[in-house]
Amino acid sequence: MGALDYAGGTVVHINAGIAGLVACLMLGRRTGYGSQHLAPANLTFAMIGACLLWFGWMGFNGGSGLAANERAVMAILVTQIAAAAGTISWMAAEWISRGKPSLLGMISGAVAGLVAITPASGFVEPAPALFIGLVAGVLCFWMVAVVKAKLGYDDSLDAFGVHGIGGMLGAVLTGPPMMTQVGIQIFSVAATLIYGGIVSFVILFVIKKTMGLRVTKDEELTGLDLAIHGERIE
């Protein structure tokens, strides 16, 4: 269809984001949502995971051209820039609106920057990458901290707010260097949202009617590691 997507942002991040949104709507809210502080279980593990993700993303974007050349080098460079910019802009937005930044927020900002630069990584230079990362951090923070709270859906890992919104932003901002491309990019985003949303709904509906989607309330409160696998890291 002529859409530009260097490293699979449309088929990975937008698709995963809309699938996550459909899933959380069909599952419903977690036990205690809105009445309890559902903090991350282990920020140390979250930080380690984000570092591994950031490092691995260099290969994800840089290797998508299937060649060790100047384009691959530029893809790696702009990926690094966008991730750093997303980290800083999310931190700044959180600091301004809440009076203090957080490690979880900075991690989320880094992922937002990585997601947003993915479709454009083989086509843009450092300055546009910086802009994409900065916008991604602020926009995704707004979706997670404001829009999600107002709409009340329980997207526990912010798959839609970070991956979905960041992916859509990145796909659209891949188009401006060639203005005739913007409409194509927007159409590709819409097509992915419609297809991914409908197929996700059908799959989850079948599962819900056959084997069920949710564990019991007691299993949820105990924790799935312990309730299902009989083990837990303290």
Protein backbone atom coordinates (compact mmCIF):
# COMPACT_ATOMS: atom_id res chain seq x y z
CA MET A 1 0.00 0.00 0.00
CA GLY A 2 3.04 2.26 -0.02
CA ALA A 3 3.29 2.87 3.74
CA LEU A 4 6.77 3.53 5.14
CA ASP A 5 7.64 1.37 8.12
CA TYR A 6 11.35 0.66 8.46
CA ALA A 7 11.36 -1.71 11.43
CA GLY A 8 7.80 -2.97 11.86
CA GLY A 9 6.29 -0.31 14.11
CA THR A 10 2.89 -0.58 12.48
CA VAL A 11 2.56 -4.34 12.62
CA VAL A 12 4.17 -4.65 16.05
CA HIS A 13 3.43 -1.63 18.23
CA ILE A 14 0.14 -0.29 16.89
CA ASN A 15 -1.20 -3.82 16.54
CA ALA A 16 -0.08 -4.76 20.06
CA GLY A 17 -1.42 -1.50 21.45
CA ILE A 18 -4.93 -1.92 20.09
CA ALA A 19 -4.93 -5.61 21.02
CA GLY A 20 -3.97 -4.65 24.57
CA LEU A 21 -6.76 -2.08 24.74
CA VAL A 22 -9.36 -4.56 23.49
CA ALA A 23 -8.09 -7.15 25.95
CA CYS A 24 -8.24 -4.89 28.99
CA LEU A 25 -11.74 -3.74 28.07
CA MET A 26 -12.95 -7.32 27.69
CA LEU A 27 -11.19 -8.54 30.85
CA GLY A 28 -12.43 -5.69 32.98
CA ARG A 29 -10.62 -4.00 35.84
CA ARG A 30 -8.27 -5.75 38.25
CA THR A 31 -9.45 -6.46 41.78
CA GLY A 32 -8.75 -3.35 43.80
CA TYR A 33 -8.45 -1.04 40.80
CA GLY A 34 -9.36 2.49 41.84
CA SER A 35 -9.35 1.69 45.55
CA GLN A 36 -5.84 0.32 46.05
CA HIS A 37 -2.40 1.55 45.02
CA LEU A 38 -1.41 -1.04 42.43
CA ALA A 39 2.30 -0.27 42.29
CA PRO A 40 4.81 -2.26 40.21
CA ALA A 41 5.95 -5.42 41.96
CA ASN A 42 9.67 -4.79 41.52
CA LEU A 43 11.15 -1.57 40.14
CA THR A 44 14.64 -3.07 40.09
CA PHE A 45 13.51 -5.76 37.65
CA ALA A 46 11.59 -3.15 35.66
CA MET A 47 14.73 -1.03 35.31
CA ILE A 48 16.88 -4.01 34.32
CA GLY A 49 14.26 -5.03 31.75
CA ALA A 50 14.12 -1.53 30.31
CA CYS A 51 17.90 -1.41 29.97
CA LEU A 52 17.94 -4.75 28.16
CA LEU A 53 15.09 -3.56 25.94
CA TRP A 54 16.85 -0.30 25.09
CA PHE A 55 20.06 -2.14 24.22
CA GLY A 56 18.27 -4.78 22.18
CA TRP A 57 16.31 -2.16 20.26
CA MET A 58 19.54 -1.05 18.60
CA GLY A 59 19.68 -4.42 16.89
CA PHE A 60 15.94 -4.39 16.24
CA ASN A 61 16.02 -1.10 14.35
CA GLY A 62 19.59 -1.18 13.14
CA GLY A 63 19.28 -4.70 11.77
CA SER A 64 15.96 -4.24 10.01
CA GLY A 65 17.67 -3.20 6.77
CA LEU A 66 19.50 -6.57 6.72
CA ALA A 67 22.81 -4.86 6.00
CA ALA A 68 25.76 -3.43 7.93
CA ASN A 69 25.94 -0.05 6.20
CA GLU A 70 25.51 3.68 6.73
CA ARG A 71 21.74 3.37 6.94
CA ALA A 72 22.01 0.84 9.75
CA VAL A 73 24.38 3.13 11.64
CA MET A 74 21.98 6.06 11.28
CA ALA A 75 19.06 3.88 12.39
CA ILE A 76 20.94 2.99 15.56
CA LEU A 77 21.92 6.60 16.21
CA VAL A 78 18.41 8.02 15.80
CA THR A 79 17.01 5.21 17.95
CA GLN A 80 19.35 6.20 20.78
CA ILE A 81 18.46 9.88 20.40
CA ALA A 82 14.71 9.31 20.38
CA ALA A 83 14.83 7.01 23.41
CA ALA A 84 16.85 9.55 25.41
CA ALA A 85 14.52 12.36 24.33
CA GLY A 86 11.46 10.36 25.33
CA THR A 87 12.98 9.69 28.74
CA ILE A 88 13.67 13.39 29.32
CA SER A 89 10.32 14.70 28.06
CA TRP A 90 8.26 12.16 30.06
CA MET A 91 10.32 13.02 33.15
CA ALA A 92 9.76 16.75 32.57
CA ALA A 93 6.02 16.32 32.01
CA GLU A 94 5.68 14.22 35.15
CA TRP A 95 7.80 16.65 37.16
CA ILE A 96 5.69 19.62 36.06
CA SER A 97 2.31 17.95 36.57
CA ARG A 98 3.01 15.89 39.71
CA GLY A 99 5.84 17.76 41.36
CA LYS A 100 8.34 14.90 41.09
CA PRO A 101 9.67 12.51 38.46
CA SER A 102 9.69 8.73 38.86
CA LEU A 103 11.84 5.85 37.70
CA LEU A 104 8.82 4.06 36.26
CA GLY A 105 7.93 7.20 34.33
CA MET A 106 11.42 7.56 32.90
CA ILE A 107 11.36 3.90 31.84
CA SER A 108 8.01 4.46 30.16
CA GLY A 109 9.33 7.56 28.40
CA ALA A 110 12.29 5.63 27.04
CA VAL A 111 10.00 2.94 25.65
CA ALA A 112 7.73 5.61 24.17
CA GLY A 113 10.70 7.12 22.35
CA LEU A 114 11.86 3.72 21.12
CA VAL A 115 8.39 2.83 19.88
CA ALA A 116 7.86 6.14 18.09
CA ILE A 117 11.18 6.11 16.24
CA THR A 118 10.85 2.52 15.03
CA PRO A 119 8.94 3.10 11.77
CA ALA A 120 11.02 6.18 10.93
CA SER A 121 14.43 4.92 12.04
CA GLY A 122 15.66 4.15 8.53
CA PHE A 123 14.40 7.40 7.02
CA VAL A 124 15.18 10.28 9.42
CA GLU A 125 18.28 12.06 10.69
CA PRO A 126 19.11 13.10 14.30
CA ALA A 127 17.11 16.36 14.48
CA PRO A 128 13.76 14.80 13.46
CA ALA A 129 14.52 11.85 15.76
CA LEU A 130 14.97 14.24 18.66
CA PHE A 131 11.62 15.85 17.87
CA ILE A 132 9.86 12.48 17.57
CA GLY A 133 11.24 11.33 20.92
CA LEU A 134 10.32 14.55 22.73
CA VAL A 135 6.77 14.53 21.40
CA ALA A 136 6.36 10.81 22.15
CA GLY A 137 7.34 11.23 25.80
CA VAL A 138 4.86 14.05 26.41
CA LEU A 139 1.99 12.57 24.37
CA CYS A 140 2.28 9.09 25.88
CA PHE A 141 2.51 10.56 29.40
CA TRP A 142 -0.68 12.50 28.73
CA MET A 143 -2.44 9.36 27.50
CA VAL A 144 -1.33 7.33 30.52
CA ALA A 145 -1.70 9.95 33.26
CA VAL A 146 -4.74 11.90 32.04
CA VAL A 147 -6.76 10.13 29.35
CA LYS A 148 -6.64 6.65 30.89
CA ALA A 149 -7.63 8.05 34.29
CA LYS A 150 -10.57 9.95 32.81
CA LEU A 151 -11.85 7.03 30.73
CA GLY A 152 -11.25 4.54 33.54
CA TYR A 153 -9.95 1.56 31.54
CA ASP A 154 -7.43 -0.65 33.34
CA ASP A 155 -4.47 -0.96 30.98
CA SER A 156 -2.06 -2.24 33.64
CA LEU A 157 1.11 -2.07 31.54
CA ASP A 158 -0.03 0.87 29.39
CA ALA A 159 0.24 -1.14 26.21
CA PHE A 160 -2.13 1.22 24.41
CA GLY A 161 -0.91 4.45 25.99
CA VAL A 162 2.76 3.78 25.20
CA HIS A 163 2.94 1.23 22.38
CA GLY A 164 -0.32 2.07 20.63
CA ILE A 165 -0.12 5.86 20.85
CA GLY A 166 3.66 5.93 20.41
CA GLY A 167 3.37 3.66 17.40
CA MET A 168 0.67 5.80 15.80
CA LEU A 169 2.67 8.96 16.42
CA GLY A 170 5.81 7.45 14.92
CA ALA A 171 4.00 6.11 11.87
CA VAL A 172 2.41 9.49 11.10
CA LEU A 173 5.62 11.46 11.72
CA THR A 174 7.46 9.22 9.26
CA GLY A 175 5.48 10.92 6.51
CA PRO A 176 6.26 14.69 6.74
CA PRO A 177 9.66 14.57 4.95
CA MET A 178 7.55 13.63 1.90
CA MET A 179 4.24 15.42 2.49
CA THR A 180 2.36 13.27 0.00
CA GLN A 181 3.20 10.36 2.27
CA VAL A 182 1.30 11.67 5.31
CA GLY A 183 -2.11 10.54 4.07
CA ILE A 184 -0.75 7.07 3.30
CA GLN A 185 0.73 6.83 6.79
CA ILE A 186 -2.54 7.86 8.41
CA PHE A 187 -4.44 5.32 6.33
CA SER A 188 -2.00 2.58 7.35
CA VAL A 189 -2.54 3.45 11.02
CA ALA A 190 -6.33 3.34 10.62
CA ALA A 191 -6.19 0.03 8.75
CA THR A 192 -4.02 -1.51 11.47
CA LEU A 193 -6.30 -0.28 14.26
CA ILE A 194 -9.42 -1.63 12.56
CA TYR A 195 -7.92 -4.99 11.60
CA GLY A 196 -6.08 -5.52 14.90
CA GLY A 197 -9.05 -4.43 16.99
CA ILE A 198 -11.58 -6.65 15.22
CA VAL A 199 -9.38 -9.75 15.12
CA SER A 200 -8.36 -9.32 18.76
CA PHE A 201 -12.01 -9.02 19.78
CA VAL A 202 -12.97 -12.17 17.89
CA ILE A 203 -10.10 -14.22 19.38
CA LEU A 204 -10.78 -13.03 22.92
CA PHE A 205 -14.54 -13.54 22.52
CA VAL A 206 -14.02 -17.17 21.51
CA ILE A 207 -11.65 -17.76 24.44
CA LYS A 208 -14.09 -16.10 26.85
CA LYS A 209 -16.94 -18.32 25.72
CA THR A 210 -14.89 -21.53 25.82
CA MET A 211 -12.22 -21.54 28.53
CA GLY A 212 -12.69 -18.11 30.09
CA LEU A 213 -10.41 -15.07 30.24
CA ARG A 214 -9.94 -14.36 33.95
CA VAL A 215 -8.63 -16.22 36.95
CA THR A 216 -10.62 -16.21 40.17
CA LYS A 217 -10.56 -13.27 42.56
CA ASP A 218 -8.57 -15.29 45.13
CA GLU A 219 -5.96 -16.27 42.52
CA GLU A 220 -5.68 -12.67 41.41
CA LEU A 221 -5.12 -11.44 44.97
CA THR A 222 -2.60 -14.21 45.69
CA GLY A 223 -0.68 -13.47 42.52
CA LEU A 224 -0.48 -15.61 39.40
CA ASP A 225 3.12 -16.73 39.99
CA LEU A 226 2.11 -18.37 43.25
CA ALA A 227 -1.45 -19.35 42.37
CA ILE A 228 -0.67 -20.96 39.01
CA HIS A 229 3.02 -21.91 39.16
CA GLY A 230 3.46 -22.41 42.90
CA GLU A 231 6.49 -20.13 43.14
CA ARG A 232 7.28 -16.49 43.68
CA ILE A 233 10.36 -14.28 43.84
CA GLU A 234 10.43 -12.31 47.07
